[in-house]
Amino acid sequence: MNIFRVLLAIICPPLSVIDKGCGSILITFLLWLCGWVPGVIAALVIVNNPKR
């Protein structure tokens, strides 16, 4: 887990998942538009996923 990614996920969630694929960016961006907290949670889940 990279501390820079976690901080970026808290500040601007779509930027933290930019290398995870188009679907991840789209989901995170839509959740971020709905509210800051859902976007941050989605970004942290995607960033901390050990399978990717």
Protein backbone atom coordinates (compact mmCIF):
# COMPACT_ATOMS: atom_id res chain seq x y z
CA MET A 1 0.00 0.00 0.00
CA ASN A 2 1.52 3.23 -1.14
CA ILE A 3 0.96 6.18 1.20
CA PHE A 4 0.88 8.56 -1.78
CA ARG A 5 -2.00 6.59 -3.31
CA VAL A 6 -3.96 6.66 -0.06
CA LEU A 7 -3.51 10.42 0.30
CA LEU A 8 -4.49 10.92 -3.33
CA ALA A 9 -7.57 8.72 -2.77
CA ILE A 10 -8.61 10.98 0.09
CA ILE A 11 -8.00 14.23 -1.80
CA CYS A 12 -9.16 13.29 -5.30
CA PRO A 13 -10.37 9.70 -5.63
CA PRO A 14 -10.53 9.40 -9.46
CA LEU A 15 -6.85 10.33 -9.79
CA SER A 16 -5.75 7.58 -7.42
CA VAL A 17 -7.25 4.81 -9.59
CA ILE A 18 -6.13 6.19 -12.95
CA ASP A 19 -3.95 3.15 -13.76
CA LYS A 20 -6.54 0.56 -12.68
CA GLY A 21 -8.61 0.75 -15.85
CA CYS A 22 -11.44 2.70 -17.38
CA GLY A 23 -14.17 0.96 -15.39
CA SER A 24 -12.56 1.75 -12.06
CA ILE A 25 -12.12 5.38 -13.01
CA LEU A 26 -15.73 5.67 -14.14
CA ILE A 27 -17.17 4.01 -11.05
CA THR A 28 -15.03 6.09 -8.72
CA PHE A 29 -15.86 9.30 -10.58
CA LEU A 30 -19.61 8.64 -10.49
CA LEU A 31 -19.51 7.82 -6.79
CA TRP A 32 -17.39 10.90 -6.18
CA LEU A 33 -20.03 13.03 -7.92
CA CYS A 34 -22.70 11.54 -5.66
CA GLY A 35 -20.69 12.44 -2.60
CA TRP A 36 -17.14 12.73 -1.41
CA VAL A 37 -17.32 9.85 1.08
CA PRO A 38 -18.57 7.16 -1.36
CA GLY A 39 -15.86 8.17 -3.83
CA VAL A 40 -13.14 7.93 -1.20
CA ILE A 41 -14.37 4.54 0.01
CA ALA A 42 -14.49 3.16 -3.53
CA ALA A 43 -11.02 4.49 -4.32
CA LEU A 44 -9.54 3.02 -1.15
CA VAL A 45 -11.11 -0.37 -1.87
CA ILE A 46 -9.76 -0.37 -5.43
CA VAL A 47 -6.29 0.85 -4.42
CA ASN A 48 -5.98 -1.67 -1.58
CA ASN A 49 -7.23 -4.65 -3.62
CA PRO A 50 -4.39 -7.22 -3.50
CA LYS A 51 -5.61 -9.01 -6.65
CA ARG A 52 -4.82 -6.08 -8.94
